[in-house]
C-alpha atoms as a PDB file:
ATOM      1  CA  MET A   1       0.000   0.000   0.000  1.00  0.00           C
ATOM      2  CA  THR A   2       1.282   3.433  -0.926  1.00  0.00           C
ATOM      3  CA  GLN A   3       2.453   5.406   2.102  1.00  0.00           C
ATOM      4  CA  SER A   4       1.502   9.042   2.541  1.00  0.00           C
ATOM      5  CA  ILE A   5       3.383  11.388   4.882  1.00  0.00           C
ATOM      6  CA  ALA A   6       2.308  15.022   5.291  1.00  0.00           C
ATOM      7  CA  GLY A   7       0.146  14.562   2.204  1.00  0.00           C
ATOM      8  CA  ILE A   8       3.086  13.404   0.073  1.00  0.00           C
ATOM      9  CA  LEU A   9       2.905   9.959  -1.514  1.00  0.00           C
ATOM     10  CA  ILE A  10       6.072   7.895  -1.233  1.00  0.00           C
ATOM     11  CA  PRO A  11       6.842   6.322  -4.626  1.00  0.00           C
ATOM     12  CA  ASP A  12       6.376   2.542  -4.430  1.00  0.00           C
ATOM     13  CA  SER A  13       7.291   1.261  -7.876  1.00  0.00           C
ATOM     14  CA  GLU A  14       9.728  -1.625  -8.128  1.00  0.00           C
ATOM     15  CA  MET A  15      12.519   0.874  -8.752  1.00  0.00           C
ATOM     16  CA  ALA A  16      11.564   3.073  -5.811  1.00  0.00           C
ATOM     17  CA  GLN A  17      11.322   0.077  -3.508  1.00  0.00           C
ATOM     18  CA  ALA A  18      14.766  -1.058  -4.651  1.00  0.00           C
ATOM     19  CA  ALA A  19      16.163   2.413  -3.965  1.00  0.00           C
ATOM     20  CA  THR A  20      14.669   2.361  -0.479  1.00  0.00           C
ATOM     21  CA  ALA A  21      16.082  -1.091   0.227  1.00  0.00           C
ATOM     22  CA  LEU A  22      19.542  -0.155  -1.038  1.00  0.00           C
ATOM     23  CA  VAL A  23      19.779   2.917   1.176  1.00  0.00           C
ATOM     24  CA  GLN A  24      18.462   1.002   4.187  1.00  0.00           C
ATOM     25  CA  ASP A  25      21.101  -1.662   3.558  1.00  0.00           C
ATOM     26  CA  VAL A  26      24.182   0.531   3.195  1.00  0.00           C
ATOM     27  CA  ALA A  27      23.399   3.741   5.120  1.00  0.00           C
ATOM     28  CA  SER A  28      22.951   4.493   8.792  1.00  0.00           C
ATOM     29  CA  GLU A  29      19.508   5.161  10.212  1.00  0.00           C
ATOM     30  CA  LEU A  30      20.596   8.792  10.464  1.00  0.00           C
ATOM     31  CA  VAL A  31      21.282   9.040   6.714  1.00  0.00           C
ATOM     32  CA  PHE A  32      18.200   7.014   5.760  1.00  0.00           C
ATOM     33  CA  ASN A  33      15.816   9.193   7.781  1.00  0.00           C
ATOM     34  CA  HIS A  34      17.512  12.363   6.569  1.00  0.00           C
ATOM     35  CA  SER A  35      17.212  11.232   2.953  1.00  0.00           C
ATOM     36  CA  ARG A  36      13.511  10.496   3.295  1.00  0.00           C
ATOM     37  CA  ARG A  37      12.945  13.900   4.888  1.00  0.00           C
ATOM     38  CA  VAL A  38      14.809  15.514   2.000  1.00  0.00           C
ATOM     39  CA  PHE A  39      12.351  13.910  -0.434  1.00  0.00           C
ATOM     40  CA  LEU A  40       9.329  14.935   1.620  1.00  0.00           C
ATOM     41  CA  PHE A  41      10.442  18.515   2.190  1.00  0.00           C
ATOM     42  CA  GLY A  42      11.509  18.834  -1.448  1.00  0.00           C
ATOM     43  CA  ALA A  43       8.140  17.533  -2.627  1.00  0.00           C
ATOM     44  CA  LEU A  44       6.307  19.970  -0.366  1.00  0.00           C
ATOM     45  CA  ARG A  45       8.362  22.843  -1.729  1.00  0.00           C
ATOM     46  CA  GLY A  46       7.561  21.663  -5.243  1.00  0.00           C
ATOM     47  CA  GLN A  47       3.837  21.694  -4.459  1.00  0.00           C
ATOM     48  CA  GLN A  48       4.070  25.183  -3.029  1.00  0.00           C
ATOM     49  CA  GLN A  49       5.878  26.472  -6.091  1.00  0.00           C
ATOM     50  CA  GLY A  50       3.555  24.726  -8.521  1.00  0.00           C
ATOM     51  CA  LEU A  51       6.424  22.802 -10.084  1.00  0.00           C
ATOM     52  CA  SER A  52       5.887  19.803 -12.321  1.00  0.00           C
ATOM     53  CA  TYR A  53       8.416  17.128 -11.427  1.00  0.00           C
ATOM     54  CA  ASP A  54       8.883  13.372 -11.645  1.00  0.00           C
ATOM     55  CA  PRO A  55       8.351  12.000  -8.110  1.00  0.00           C
ATOM     56  CA  GLU A  56      10.457   8.902  -8.772  1.00  0.00           C
ATOM     57  CA  LEU A  57      13.423  10.892 -10.036  1.00  0.00           C
ATOM     58  CA  LEU A  58      13.141  13.226  -7.074  1.00  0.00           C
ATOM     59  CA  TYR A  59      12.891  10.222  -4.758  1.00  0.00           C
ATOM     60  CA  VAL A  60      16.030   8.555  -6.099  1.00  0.00           C
ATOM     61  CA  GLY A  61      17.897  11.860  -6.008  1.00  0.00           C
ATOM     62  CA  ALA A  62      16.918  12.451  -2.399  1.00  0.00           C
ATOM     63  CA  MET A  63      17.506   8.885  -1.249  1.00  0.00           C
ATOM     64  CA  PHE A  64      20.909   8.549  -2.925  1.00  0.00           C
ATOM     65  CA  HIS A  65      22.268  12.031  -2.267  1.00  0.00           C
ATOM     66  CA  ASP A  66      24.448  11.077   0.719  1.00  0.00           C
ATOM     67  CA  LEU A  67      25.563   7.592  -0.358  1.00  0.00           C
ATOM     68  CA  GLY A  68      29.058   9.010  -0.775  1.00  0.00           C
ATOM     69  CA  LEU A  69      29.253   9.125   3.027  1.00  0.00           C
ATOM     70  CA  THR A  70      28.719   5.359   3.326  1.00  0.00           C
ATOM     71  CA  ASP A  71      31.499   2.777   3.543  1.00  0.00           C
ATOM     72  CA  THR A  72      30.015   0.954   0.552  1.00  0.00           C
ATOM     73  CA  PHE A  73      30.208   3.813  -1.908  1.00  0.00           C
ATOM     74  CA  LYS A  74      32.671   6.385  -0.603  1.00  0.00           C
ATOM     75  CA  ARG A  75      35.921   6.980  -2.429  1.00  0.00           C
ATOM     76  CA  THR A  76      38.826   9.241  -1.550  1.00  0.00           C
ATOM     77  CA  ASP A  77      39.658  10.694  -4.963  1.00  0.00           C
ATOM     78  CA  GLN A  78      36.581  12.826  -5.634  1.00  0.00           C
ATOM     79  CA  ARG A  79      33.841  14.770  -3.877  1.00  0.00           C
ATOM     80  CA  PHE A  80      31.365  12.677  -1.920  1.00  0.00           C
ATOM     81  CA  GLU A  81      28.515  14.208  -3.918  1.00  0.00           C
ATOM     82  CA  ILE A  82      29.982  12.691  -7.100  1.00  0.00           C
ATOM     83  CA  ASP A  83      30.291   9.266  -5.467  1.00  0.00           C
ATOM     84  CA  ALA A  84      26.546   9.347  -4.818  1.00  0.00           C
ATOM     85  CA  ALA A  85      25.667  10.873  -8.185  1.00  0.00           C
ATOM     86  CA  ASP A  86      27.587   8.183 -10.054  1.00  0.00           C
ATOM     87  CA  GLU A  87      25.795   5.411  -8.172  1.00  0.00           C
ATOM     88  CA  ALA A  88      22.406   7.001  -8.809  1.00  0.00           C
ATOM     89  CA  ARG A  89      23.068   7.216 -12.526  1.00  0.00           C
ATOM     90  CA  LYS A  90      24.085   3.542 -12.703  1.00  0.00           C
ATOM     91  CA  PHE A  91      21.068   2.524 -10.633  1.00  0.00           C
ATOM     92  CA  LEU A  92      18.621   4.442 -12.826  1.00  0.00           C
ATOM     93  CA  GLN A  93      20.124   3.155 -16.047  1.00  0.00           C
ATOM     94  CA  SER A  94      19.811  -0.406 -14.744  1.00  0.00           C
ATOM     95  CA  TYR A  95      16.043   0.202 -14.626  1.00  0.00           C
ATOM     96  CA  GLY A  96      15.900   1.512 -18.188  1.00  0.00           C
ATOM     97  CA  ILE A  97      15.659   5.186 -17.239  1.00  0.00           C
ATOM     98  CA  SER A  98      16.808   7.419 -20.100  1.00  0.00           C
ATOM     99  CA  ASP A  99      20.273   8.919 -20.074  1.00  0.00           C
ATOM    100  CA  ALA A 100      18.726  12.402 -19.950  1.00  0.00           C
ATOM    101  CA  ASP A 101      16.703  11.633 -16.826  1.00  0.00           C
ATOM    102  CA  ALA A 102      19.633   9.826 -15.213  1.00  0.00           C
ATOM    103  CA  ASP A 103      21.784  12.878 -15.921  1.00  0.00           C
ATOM    104  CA  THR A 104      19.178  15.093 -14.263  1.00  0.00           C
ATOM    105  CA  VAL A 105      19.385  13.038 -11.085  1.00  0.00           C
ATOM    106  CA  TRP A 106      23.189  13.001 -11.333  1.00  0.00           C
ATOM    107  CA  ALA A 107      23.176  16.797 -11.391  1.00  0.00           C
ATOM    108  CA  ALA A 108      20.649  16.990  -8.543  1.00  0.00           C
ATOM    109  CA  ILE A 109      22.971  15.001  -6.307  1.00  0.00           C
ATOM    110  CA  ALA A 110      26.286  16.432  -7.513  1.00  0.00           C
ATOM    111  CA  LEU A 111      25.082  20.009  -6.971  1.00  0.00           C
ATOM    112  CA  HIS A 112      23.151  19.616  -3.720  1.00  0.00           C
ATOM    113  CA  THR A 113      25.823  21.390  -1.668  1.00  0.00           C
ATOM    114  CA  THR A 114      26.314  24.170  -4.226  1.00  0.00           C
ATOM    115  CA  PRO A 115      24.217  27.150  -3.121  1.00  0.00           C
ATOM    116  CA  GLU A 116      21.781  28.866  -5.487  1.00  0.00           C
ATOM    117  CA  ILE A 117      22.759  27.358  -8.852  1.00  0.00           C
ATOM    118  CA  PRO A 118      20.557  24.212  -8.557  1.00  0.00           C
ATOM    119  CA  LEU A 119      17.532  26.377  -7.837  1.00  0.00           C
ATOM    120  CA  HIS A 120      17.676  27.674 -11.419  1.00  0.00           C
ATOM    121  CA  MET A 121      17.775  24.216 -12.991  1.00  0.00           C
ATOM    122  CA  ALA A 122      15.275  21.410 -13.620  1.00  0.00           C
ATOM    123  CA  PRO A 123      12.668  20.928 -10.866  1.00  0.00           C
ATOM    124  CA  GLU A 124      14.133  17.621  -9.683  1.00  0.00           C
ATOM    125  CA  ILE A 125      17.536  19.287  -9.300  1.00  0.00           C
ATOM    126  CA  ALA A 126      16.118  22.309  -7.507  1.00  0.00           C
ATOM    127  CA  LEU A 127      13.946  20.269  -5.158  1.00  0.00           C
ATOM    128  CA  VAL A 128      16.708  17.960  -3.934  1.00  0.00           C
ATOM    129  CA  THR A 129      18.574  21.109  -2.915  1.00  0.00           C
ATOM    130  CA  ARG A 130      15.430  22.624  -1.385  1.00  0.00           C
ATOM    131  CA  GLY A 131      14.933  19.481   0.691  1.00  0.00           C
ATOM    132  CA  VAL A 132      18.548  19.353   1.824  1.00  0.00           C
ATOM    133  CA  GLU A 133      18.611  23.042   2.700  1.00  0.00           C
ATOM    134  CA  LEU A 134      15.427  22.776   4.739  1.00  0.00           C
ATOM    135  CA  ASP A 135      16.445  19.656   6.654  1.00  0.00           C
ATOM    136  CA  VAL A 136      20.098  20.522   7.293  1.00  0.00           C
ATOM    137  CA  LEU A 137      20.220  24.311   7.317  1.00  0.00           C
ATOM    138  CA  GLY A 138      16.644  25.221   8.165  1.00  0.00           C
ATOM    139  CA  LEU A 139      16.316  27.315   5.005  1.00  0.00           C
ATOM    140  CA  GLY A 140      12.634  27.581   4.149  1.00  0.00           C
ATOM    141  CA  PHE A 141      11.645  26.285   7.603  1.00  0.00           C
ATOM    142  CA  GLU A 142       8.660  28.606   7.672  1.00  0.00           C
ATOM    143  CA  THR A 143       7.373  27.440   4.280  1.00  0.00           C
ATOM    144  CA  VAL A 144       5.998  24.198   5.723  1.00  0.00           C
ATOM    145  CA  THR A 145       3.355  24.128   8.410  1.00  0.00           C
ATOM    146  CA  ASP A 146       3.969  22.909  11.940  1.00  0.00           C
ATOM    147  CA  GLU A 147       1.656  19.995  11.192  1.00  0.00           C
ATOM    148  CA  GLN A 148       3.527  19.006   8.034  1.00  0.00           C
ATOM    149  CA  ARG A 149       6.879  19.277   9.761  1.00  0.00           C
ATOM    150  CA  GLN A 150       5.699  17.224  12.718  1.00  0.00           C
ATOM    151  CA  ALA A 151       4.246  14.496  10.511  1.00  0.00           C
ATOM    152  CA  ILE A 152       7.554  14.165   8.690  1.00  0.00           C
ATOM    153  CA  VAL A 153       9.630  14.114  11.865  1.00  0.00           C
ATOM    154  CA  ASP A 154       7.259  11.619  13.473  1.00  0.00           C
ATOM    155  CA  ALA A 155       7.796   9.276  10.523  1.00  0.00           C
ATOM    156  CA  HIS A 156      11.526   9.965  10.254  1.00  0.00           C
ATOM    157  CA  PRO A 157      12.898  11.247  13.576  1.00  0.00           C
ATOM    158  CA  ARG A 158      15.945  13.463  13.910  1.00  0.00           C
ATOM    159  CA  PRO A 159      17.350  12.925  17.441  1.00  0.00           C
ATOM    160  CA  ASP A 160      20.457  15.060  18.013  1.00  0.00           C
ATOM    161  CA  PHE A 161      20.505  15.528  14.243  1.00  0.00           C
ATOM    162  CA  LYS A 162      22.688  18.616  14.106  1.00  0.00           C
ATOM    163  CA  ASN A 163      25.586  16.992  15.943  1.00  0.00           C
ATOM    164  CA  ARG A 164      25.162  13.592  14.318  1.00  0.00           C
ATOM    165  CA  ILE A 165      25.036  14.849  10.733  1.00  0.00           C
ATOM    166  CA  LEU A 166      28.138  16.951  11.307  1.00  0.00           C
ATOM    167  CA  ALA A 167      29.874  13.859  12.672  1.00  0.00           C
ATOM    168  CA  ALA A 168      28.777  11.895   9.595  1.00  0.00           C
ATOM    169  CA  PHE A 169      30.129  14.606   7.303  1.00  0.00           C
ATOM    170  CA  THR A 170      33.427  14.638   9.165  1.00  0.00           C
ATOM    171  CA  GLU A 171      33.806  10.865   9.039  1.00  0.00           C
ATOM    172  CA  GLY A 172      32.969  10.769   5.329  1.00  0.00           C
ATOM    173  CA  LEU A 173      35.345  13.583   4.367  1.00  0.00           C
ATOM    174  CA  LYS A 174      38.358  13.356   6.665  1.00  0.00           C
ATOM    175  CA  ASP A 175      40.201  10.982   4.313  1.00  0.00           C
ATOM    176  CA  ARG A 176      39.752  13.256   1.296  1.00  0.00           C
ATOM    177  CA  PRO A 177      40.254  16.801   2.576  1.00  0.00           C
ATOM    178  CA  ASP A 178      41.400  18.134  -0.799  1.00  0.00           C
ATOM    179  CA  THR A 179      37.950  17.428  -2.253  1.00  0.00           C
ATOM    180  CA  THR A 180      36.457  20.120  -0.022  1.00  0.00           C
ATOM    181  CA  PHE A 181      38.367  22.916  -1.758  1.00  0.00           C
ATOM    182  CA  GLY A 182      35.950  25.654  -2.787  1.00  0.00           C
ATOM    183  CA  ASN A 183      32.862  24.076  -1.240  1.00  0.00           C
ATOM    184  CA  VAL A 184      30.944  24.258   2.019  1.00  0.00           C
ATOM    185  CA  LYS A 185      32.292  21.009   3.404  1.00  0.00           C
ATOM    186  CA  ALA A 186      35.647  22.696   4.066  1.00  0.00           C
ATOM    187  CA  ASP A 187      33.857  24.370   6.976  1.00  0.00           C
ATOM    188  CA  VAL A 188      33.151  20.955   8.489  1.00  0.00           C
ATOM    189  CA  LEU A 189      36.770  19.849   8.418  1.00  0.00           C
ATOM    190  CA  ALA A 190      37.950  23.232   9.696  1.00  0.00           C
ATOM    191  CA  HIS A 191      35.758  22.746  12.770  1.00  0.00           C
ATOM    192  CA  PHE A 192      36.321  19.068  13.478  1.00  0.00           C
ATOM    193  CA  VAL A 193      39.634  17.818  12.011  1.00  0.00           C
ATOM    194  CA  PRO A 194      42.723  19.041  13.883  1.00  0.00           C
ATOM    195  CA  GLY A 195      45.412  20.374  11.573  1.00  0.00           C
ATOM    196  CA  PHE A 196      43.144  20.769   8.554  1.00  0.00           C
ATOM    197  CA  THR A 197      44.172  23.675   6.347  1.00  0.00           C
ATOM    198  CA  ARG A 198      41.615  24.764   3.809  1.00  0.00           C
ATOM    199  CA  GLY A 199      42.684  25.559   0.273  1.00  0.00           C
ATOM    200  CA  ASP A 200      42.873  29.240  -0.563  1.00  0.00           C
ATOM    201  CA  PHE A 201      41.608  30.320  -3.978  1.00  0.00           C
ATOM    202  CA  VAL A 202      43.725  33.480  -3.967  1.00  0.00           C
ATOM    203  CA  GLU A 203      46.873  31.511  -3.170  1.00  0.00           C
ATOM    204  CA  VAL A 204      46.120  29.049  -5.962  1.00  0.00           C
ATOM    205  CA  ILE A 205      45.947  31.933  -8.452  1.00  0.00           C
ATOM    206  CA  GLN A 206      49.054  33.619  -7.091  1.00  0.00           C
ATOM    207  CA  GLY A 207      51.007  30.362  -7.046  1.00  0.00           C
ATOM    208  CA  SER A 208      50.033  29.126 -10.493  1.00  0.00           C
ATOM    209  CA  ALA A 209      52.593  28.373 -13.199  1.00  0.00           C
ATOM    210  CA  TRP A 210      51.753  31.620 -15.009  1.00  0.00           C
ATOM    211  CA  SER A 211      54.427  34.287 -14.689  1.00  0.00           C
ATOM    212  CA  GLU A 212      51.830  37.064 -14.379  1.00  0.00           C
END
């Protein structure tokens, strides 16, 4: 039976069920609940804005967006967002989803920590970011009602979420500090990894091979 939370239907196709099972299998309860909230908050924002979007693509984007923090899928040679985006693309293609739609989900995940730009792209891309920003940063908190918010948190609790998600970020990024250059995750390592030195864009320009 299709589940409804805060008036949002959870996709229950074979593909959506497989996505749910995969994330439950490889991710912590923290990441699983966060990912479901990202879908629900993103879908609510889409309703409010009158956007036409594919719920299944949004669902896979939301559910997979933090897989790069898991032991199963994390690498150390690229940004964690790309780890997750690559897995989402392969997963979607295995279900016969078109390359164009798979690329949309790839972009939704790869850009979800890049402020502002995703909001000007396809609805599925924008709404993954909207969901992440609401759940992690509280951006748009007032755009959902107390009742909607409570229904979502009742279904997918967030005990000590602020501290636990920061710990998850730190654990997933500490072995690839260079991948945080120029993005918001450098702030995480600066706070929680002793000895971390963030890259400096100005110094990169000044120290380049160009003579002037």
